[in-house]
Amino acid sequence: MNNDPKFIKLVTVSDRVKYDLITSMFEEDEIPFIVKDDEAGSIMRIIGGSSIYGATIYVPDFIYEKARNLVADAFDGIKFDNYEPEEEI
């Protein structure tokens, strides 16, 4: 039986400031997350430290609502992605 959490797509951000704030909030609140860069963003982030492409943030299903509320409180009017499980890595 697999007890690993299922990660759910929370939000896609293209703004570096929002990205840094969201990931910092999650680290501070000990909310696990996975980031997947769009396009060639992961290579750009490795080489240059940031990316002009968006990044999608996933959180575990068991803490999705807490993470969503935290982001919604910090960023008025932010658009959340559809509730989708992470595809196989």
C-alpha atoms as a PDB file:
ATOM      1  CA  MET A   1       0.000   0.000   0.000  1.00  0.00           C
ATOM      2  CA  ASN A   2       1.371   3.386  -1.029  1.00  0.00           C
ATOM      3  CA  ASN A   3       1.088   6.071   1.669  1.00  0.00           C
ATOM      4  CA  ASP A   4       2.781   8.799  -0.360  1.00  0.00           C
ATOM      5  CA  PRO A   5       0.636  11.928  -0.693  1.00  0.00           C
ATOM      6  CA  LYS A   6      -0.849  12.867  -4.032  1.00  0.00           C
ATOM      7  CA  PHE A   7       0.328  16.307  -5.141  1.00  0.00           C
ATOM      8  CA  ILE A   8      -2.302  18.675  -6.543  1.00  0.00           C
ATOM      9  CA  LYS A   9      -1.728  21.602  -8.901  1.00  0.00           C
ATOM     10  CA  LEU A  10      -2.298  24.779  -6.892  1.00  0.00           C
ATOM     11  CA  VAL A  11      -1.180  27.778  -8.892  1.00  0.00           C
ATOM     12  CA  THR A  12       1.001  28.822 -11.821  1.00  0.00           C
ATOM     13  CA  VAL A  13       2.996  32.020 -11.357  1.00  0.00           C
ATOM     14  CA  SER A  14       5.101  33.926 -13.859  1.00  0.00           C
ATOM     15  CA  ASP A  15       6.041  36.717 -11.477  1.00  0.00           C
ATOM     16  CA  ARG A  16       9.334  36.097  -9.634  1.00  0.00           C
ATOM     17  CA  VAL A  17       8.187  38.065  -6.575  1.00  0.00           C
ATOM     18  CA  LYS A  18       4.999  35.993  -6.202  1.00  0.00           C
ATOM     19  CA  TYR A  19       6.997  32.803  -6.721  1.00  0.00           C
ATOM     20  CA  ASP A  20       9.486  33.745  -3.993  1.00  0.00           C
ATOM     21  CA  LEU A  21       6.772  34.855  -1.570  1.00  0.00           C
ATOM     22  CA  ILE A  22       4.634  31.745  -2.041  1.00  0.00           C
ATOM     23  CA  THR A  23       7.528  29.313  -1.679  1.00  0.00           C
ATOM     24  CA  SER A  24       8.823  31.251   1.355  1.00  0.00           C
ATOM     25  CA  MET A  25       5.380  31.132   3.004  1.00  0.00           C
ATOM     26  CA  PHE A  26       5.172  27.397   2.394  1.00  0.00           C
ATOM     27  CA  GLU A  27       8.662  26.818   3.806  1.00  0.00           C
ATOM     28  CA  GLU A  28       7.824  28.917   6.882  1.00  0.00           C
ATOM     29  CA  ASP A  29       4.551  27.030   7.462  1.00  0.00           C
ATOM     30  CA  GLU A  30       6.249  23.697   6.666  1.00  0.00           C
ATOM     31  CA  ILE A  31       3.919  23.023   3.735  1.00  0.00           C
ATOM     32  CA  PRO A  32       5.585  20.595   1.328  1.00  0.00           C
ATOM     33  CA  PHE A  33       5.506  21.620  -2.319  1.00  0.00           C
ATOM     34  CA  ILE A  34       6.881  20.710  -5.728  1.00  0.00           C
ATOM     35  CA  VAL A  35       7.669  23.271  -8.424  1.00  0.00           C
ATOM     36  CA  LYS A  36       7.589  22.455 -12.118  1.00  0.00           C
ATOM     37  CA  ASP A  37       8.930  25.097 -14.455  1.00  0.00           C
ATOM     38  CA  ASP A  38       7.114  25.740 -17.721  1.00  0.00           C
ATOM     39  CA  GLU A  39       8.919  25.557 -21.068  1.00  0.00           C
ATOM     40  CA  ALA A  40      12.710  25.813 -20.617  1.00  0.00           C
ATOM     41  CA  GLY A  41      12.311  27.497 -17.249  1.00  0.00           C
ATOM     42  CA  SER A  42      14.097  24.838 -15.216  1.00  0.00           C
ATOM     43  CA  ILE A  43      17.255  25.217 -17.298  1.00  0.00           C
ATOM     44  CA  MET A  44      17.064  29.003 -17.037  1.00  0.00           C
ATOM     45  CA  ARG A  45      16.548  28.773 -13.254  1.00  0.00           C
ATOM     46  CA  ILE A  46      19.616  26.523 -12.915  1.00  0.00           C
ATOM     47  CA  ILE A  47      21.837  28.707 -15.104  1.00  0.00           C
ATOM     48  CA  GLY A  48      20.587  32.178 -14.229  1.00  0.00           C
ATOM     49  CA  GLY A  49      18.854  31.751 -10.897  1.00  0.00           C
ATOM     50  CA  SER A  50      15.457  32.737 -12.287  1.00  0.00           C
ATOM     51  CA  SER A  51      13.194  32.124 -15.245  1.00  0.00           C
ATOM     52  CA  ILE A  52      11.080  34.272 -17.563  1.00  0.00           C
ATOM     53  CA  TYR A  53       8.687  31.338 -17.914  1.00  0.00           C
ATOM     54  CA  GLY A  54       5.989  30.442 -15.419  1.00  0.00           C
ATOM     55  CA  ALA A  55       6.297  27.870 -12.684  1.00  0.00           C
ATOM     56  CA  THR A  56       3.504  25.613 -11.435  1.00  0.00           C
ATOM     57  CA  ILE A  57       3.373  24.891  -7.716  1.00  0.00           C
ATOM     58  CA  TYR A  58       1.906  21.604  -6.455  1.00  0.00           C
ATOM     59  CA  VAL A  59       0.999  20.787  -2.841  1.00  0.00           C
ATOM     60  CA  PRO A  60      -0.118  17.533  -1.170  1.00  0.00           C
ATOM     61  CA  ASP A  61      -3.835  16.838  -1.343  1.00  0.00           C
ATOM     62  CA  PHE A  62      -4.151  16.598   2.443  1.00  0.00           C
ATOM     63  CA  ILE A  63      -3.014  20.221   2.903  1.00  0.00           C
ATOM     64  CA  TYR A  64      -4.364  21.737  -0.332  1.00  0.00           C
ATOM     65  CA  GLU A  65      -7.049  23.902   1.332  1.00  0.00           C
ATOM     66  CA  LYS A  66      -4.607  25.359   3.876  1.00  0.00           C
ATOM     67  CA  ALA A  67      -2.092  26.185   1.135  1.00  0.00           C
ATOM     68  CA  ARG A  68      -4.789  27.685  -1.091  1.00  0.00           C
ATOM     69  CA  ASN A  69      -6.135  29.860   1.728  1.00  0.00           C
ATOM     70  CA  LEU A  70      -2.638  31.043   2.624  1.00  0.00           C
ATOM     71  CA  VAL A  71      -1.974  32.137  -0.964  1.00  0.00           C
ATOM     72  CA  ALA A  72      -5.451  33.670  -1.369  1.00  0.00           C
ATOM     73  CA  ASP A  73      -4.973  35.744   1.795  1.00  0.00           C
ATOM     74  CA  ALA A  74      -1.587  37.006   0.589  1.00  0.00           C
ATOM     75  CA  PHE A  75      -2.559  37.766  -3.020  1.00  0.00           C
ATOM     76  CA  ASP A  76      -5.996  39.295  -3.511  1.00  0.00           C
ATOM     77  CA  GLY A  77      -7.526  38.126  -6.789  1.00  0.00           C
ATOM     78  CA  ILE A  78      -4.914  35.468  -7.628  1.00  0.00           C
ATOM     79  CA  LYS A  79      -6.202  32.859 -10.067  1.00  0.00           C
ATOM     80  CA  PHE A  80      -5.792  29.247  -9.012  1.00  0.00           C
ATOM     81  CA  ASP A  81      -5.274  26.382 -11.425  1.00  0.00           C
ATOM     82  CA  ASN A  82      -7.869  23.662 -11.821  1.00  0.00           C
ATOM     83  CA  TYR A  83      -7.711  20.996  -9.130  1.00  0.00           C
ATOM     84  CA  GLU A  84      -5.551  18.401 -10.915  1.00  0.00           C
ATOM     85  CA  PRO A  85      -3.324  15.669  -9.529  1.00  0.00           C
ATOM     86  CA  GLU A  86       0.304  15.815 -10.505  1.00  0.00           C
ATOM     87  CA  GLU A  87       1.163  13.613 -13.442  1.00  0.00           C
ATOM     88  CA  GLU A  88       3.747  10.868 -12.937  1.00  0.00           C
ATOM     89  CA  ILE A  89       7.298  12.160 -12.592  1.00  0.00           C
END
